[in-house]
Amino acid sequence: MNHNFKVTLQLSLTKENIGIEKIKAKLAHLLTQEESLKECCRLLKIITGTEEDDYIVLADRKKQYRIPAAGILFVRAVSNYVHIQMQDKQCFCFAKTLKEVQQLLPAYFWRVHRSFIVNSQAIVHVQKNKLLLTGGRLIPIGKCYKNDIKQLLATNKLQGIREE
């Protein structure tokens, strides 16, 4: 598909937006290579300051991580730690409670078990007491969370999900 369009970016550089030149260069490259329009839109949002805050920031002893929320498949509590499983199979581990991490996540993340929070956009199938996520991972549904999941399905907030 060949799209002919022109994007003009006029921004003044200050100490606060010094990274704009790199973003503009990447945008120009994406447009000439007819790359992802979604990526171009994301970069334009950064430049214009309308980028949604869809990242969570967590730190361990050595480093601070800026984790894209949309890339998270699920969060699991293990002892005094949380494991954040990404859709690209990467996993992060932090000394935090599940409740602390849940407060950082966008509204499309649902607590489905005392040990699990899932990205509702990654739910493929709902079984009797389990959720099937993209990538084939099965997550248990806690007894006290079962009615919440049923309500979500009934109100069509989780469209396109099969239920048994």
Protein backbone atom coordinates (compact mmCIF):
# COMPACT_ATOMS: atom_id res chain seq x y z
CA MET A 1 0.00 0.00 0.00
CA ASN A 2 1.48 3.32 -1.06
CA HIS A 3 0.52 6.38 0.95
CA ASN A 4 1.67 9.79 -0.09
CA PHE A 5 1.47 12.27 2.72
CA LYS A 6 3.63 14.94 4.27
CA VAL A 7 4.22 15.61 7.94
CA THR A 8 5.69 18.92 8.98
CA LEU A 9 7.10 19.21 12.49
CA GLN A 10 8.10 22.59 13.78
CA LEU A 11 9.33 22.51 17.36
CA SER A 12 11.72 24.72 19.20
CA LEU A 13 14.41 22.86 21.12
CA THR A 14 14.85 23.60 24.78
CA LYS A 15 16.62 21.79 27.58
CA GLU A 16 13.31 20.03 28.38
CA ASN A 17 12.71 18.55 24.91
CA ILE A 18 16.27 17.88 23.67
CA GLY A 19 15.27 14.31 22.69
CA ILE A 20 12.85 15.67 20.09
CA GLU A 21 15.50 15.64 17.34
CA LYS A 22 15.99 11.90 17.76
CA ILE A 23 12.23 11.35 17.67
CA LYS A 24 11.88 13.53 14.57
CA ALA A 25 14.65 11.56 12.84
CA LYS A 26 12.99 8.25 13.69
CA LEU A 27 9.63 9.57 12.47
CA ALA A 28 11.16 10.67 9.18
CA HIS A 29 12.73 7.23 8.76
CA LEU A 30 9.45 5.47 9.53
CA LEU A 31 7.55 7.60 7.05
CA THR A 32 10.05 7.03 4.25
CA GLN A 33 10.13 3.30 4.88
CA GLU A 34 6.31 3.11 5.07
CA GLU A 35 6.67 1.53 8.48
CA SER A 36 4.01 1.18 11.10
CA LEU A 37 1.55 4.06 11.21
CA LYS A 38 0.86 3.12 14.83
CA GLU A 39 4.52 3.73 15.71
CA CYS A 40 4.41 7.11 13.94
CA CYS A 41 1.32 8.09 15.92
CA ARG A 42 3.01 7.05 19.16
CA LEU A 43 6.03 9.23 18.38
CA LEU A 44 3.82 12.18 17.44
CA LYS A 45 2.03 11.83 20.78
CA ILE A 46 5.37 12.01 22.57
CA ILE A 47 6.32 15.16 20.65
CA THR A 48 2.99 16.89 21.24
CA GLY A 49 2.81 15.82 24.88
CA THR A 50 -0.40 13.84 24.43
CA GLU A 51 1.17 10.44 25.06
CA GLU A 52 -0.95 8.38 27.44
CA ASP A 53 0.74 7.40 30.66
CA ASP A 54 0.58 3.69 29.91
CA TYR A 55 3.79 2.75 31.68
CA ILE A 56 4.52 1.65 35.20
CA VAL A 57 7.81 2.49 36.87
CA LEU A 58 9.30 -0.01 39.32
CA ALA A 59 12.77 -0.29 40.79
CA ASP A 60 14.92 -3.03 42.21
CA ARG A 61 18.18 -2.50 44.11
CA LYS A 62 20.19 -1.76 40.98
CA LYS A 63 17.93 -0.16 38.40
CA GLN A 64 14.65 1.59 37.69
CA TYR A 65 12.41 0.05 35.00
CA ARG A 66 9.79 1.77 32.84
CA ILE A 67 7.50 -1.09 31.84
CA PRO A 68 4.83 -0.63 29.13
CA ALA A 69 1.53 -1.71 30.66
CA ALA A 70 0.13 -2.97 27.35
CA GLY A 71 3.04 -5.44 27.13
CA ILE A 72 2.25 -7.05 30.48
CA LEU A 73 0.49 -10.41 30.26
CA PHE A 74 -0.03 -10.99 33.98
CA VAL A 75 1.38 -10.20 37.40
CA ARG A 76 1.86 -13.00 39.93
CA ALA A 77 2.54 -12.75 43.65
CA VAL A 78 5.16 -15.19 44.93
CA SER A 79 6.02 -14.90 48.62
CA ASN A 80 7.12 -11.28 49.21
CA TYR A 81 7.71 -10.58 45.52
CA VAL A 82 5.75 -9.95 42.34
CA HIS A 83 6.69 -11.45 39.01
CA ILE A 84 5.61 -9.41 36.00
CA GLN A 85 5.29 -11.65 32.95
CA MET A 86 5.53 -9.78 29.67
CA GLN A 87 3.92 -10.88 26.41
CA ASP A 88 7.39 -11.15 24.85
CA LYS A 89 8.30 -13.82 27.49
CA GLN A 90 10.48 -11.41 29.48
CA CYS A 91 9.92 -11.50 33.25
CA PHE A 92 10.61 -8.90 35.94
CA CYS A 93 10.77 -9.55 39.68
CA PHE A 94 10.28 -6.88 42.35
CA ALA A 95 9.98 -6.80 46.14
CA LYS A 96 6.46 -5.34 46.10
CA THR A 97 2.99 -6.51 47.05
CA LEU A 98 0.38 -7.34 44.44
CA LYS A 99 -1.80 -4.55 45.82
CA GLU A 100 0.99 -1.97 45.32
CA VAL A 101 1.49 -3.03 41.70
CA GLN A 102 -2.26 -3.14 41.04
CA GLN A 103 -2.54 0.54 42.02
CA LEU A 104 0.01 1.42 39.32
CA LEU A 105 -1.72 -0.50 36.51
CA PRO A 106 -4.38 0.88 34.12
CA ALA A 107 -8.05 -0.05 34.55
CA TYR A 108 -7.90 -2.88 31.99
CA PHE A 109 -5.95 -5.02 34.48
CA TRP A 110 -8.14 -7.24 36.63
CA ARG A 111 -7.45 -9.03 39.87
CA VAL A 112 -8.70 -12.58 39.24
CA HIS A 113 -7.06 -14.46 42.09
CA ARG A 114 -5.32 -13.62 45.36
CA SER A 115 -2.03 -14.22 43.54
CA PHE A 116 -2.83 -12.98 40.01
CA ILE A 117 -3.64 -9.81 38.09
CA VAL A 118 -4.22 -10.25 34.34
CA ASN A 119 -4.29 -7.96 31.35
CA SER A 120 -7.95 -8.27 30.30
CA GLN A 121 -6.96 -7.53 26.69
CA ALA A 122 -4.94 -10.77 26.70
CA ILE A 123 -7.83 -13.03 27.76
CA VAL A 124 -8.70 -15.48 25.00
CA HIS A 125 -11.03 -17.94 26.71
CA VAL A 126 -12.80 -18.28 30.05
CA GLN A 127 -13.17 -21.78 31.42
CA LYS A 128 -15.03 -22.81 34.53
CA ASN A 129 -12.31 -21.70 36.93
CA LYS A 130 -9.43 -20.66 34.65
CA LEU A 131 -8.54 -17.99 32.13
CA LEU A 132 -6.65 -18.79 28.95
CA LEU A 133 -4.36 -15.92 27.97
CA THR A 134 -2.59 -15.26 24.69
CA GLY A 135 0.45 -17.48 24.51
CA GLY A 136 -1.46 -20.42 26.03
CA ARG A 137 -0.97 -19.54 29.71
CA LEU A 138 -3.76 -20.71 32.07
CA ILE A 139 -4.48 -18.51 35.09
CA PRO A 140 -6.74 -19.69 37.95
CA ILE A 141 -9.85 -17.70 38.86
CA GLY A 142 -10.28 -17.33 42.62
CA LYS A 143 -13.68 -18.17 44.11
CA CYS A 144 -14.25 -14.63 45.36
CA TYR A 145 -13.34 -13.17 41.92
CA LYS A 146 -15.54 -15.47 39.85
CA ASN A 147 -18.63 -13.22 39.98
CA ASP A 148 -16.57 -10.21 38.88
CA ILE A 149 -15.40 -12.10 35.79
CA LYS A 150 -18.99 -13.15 35.02
CA GLN A 151 -20.15 -9.54 35.32
CA LEU A 152 -17.46 -8.38 32.92
CA LEU A 153 -18.54 -10.96 30.38
CA ALA A 154 -22.22 -10.08 30.86
CA THR A 155 -21.61 -6.38 30.29
CA ASN A 156 -19.52 -7.11 27.16
CA LYS A 157 -16.45 -5.36 28.56
CA LEU A 158 -14.43 -8.35 27.41
CA GLN A 159 -15.67 -8.67 23.84
CA GLY A 160 -14.80 -11.63 21.66
CA ILE A 161 -13.98 -13.94 24.56
CA ARG A 162 -15.40 -17.42 24.55
CA GLU A 163 -16.91 -18.71 27.79
CA GLU A 164 -17.53 -22.30 28.86
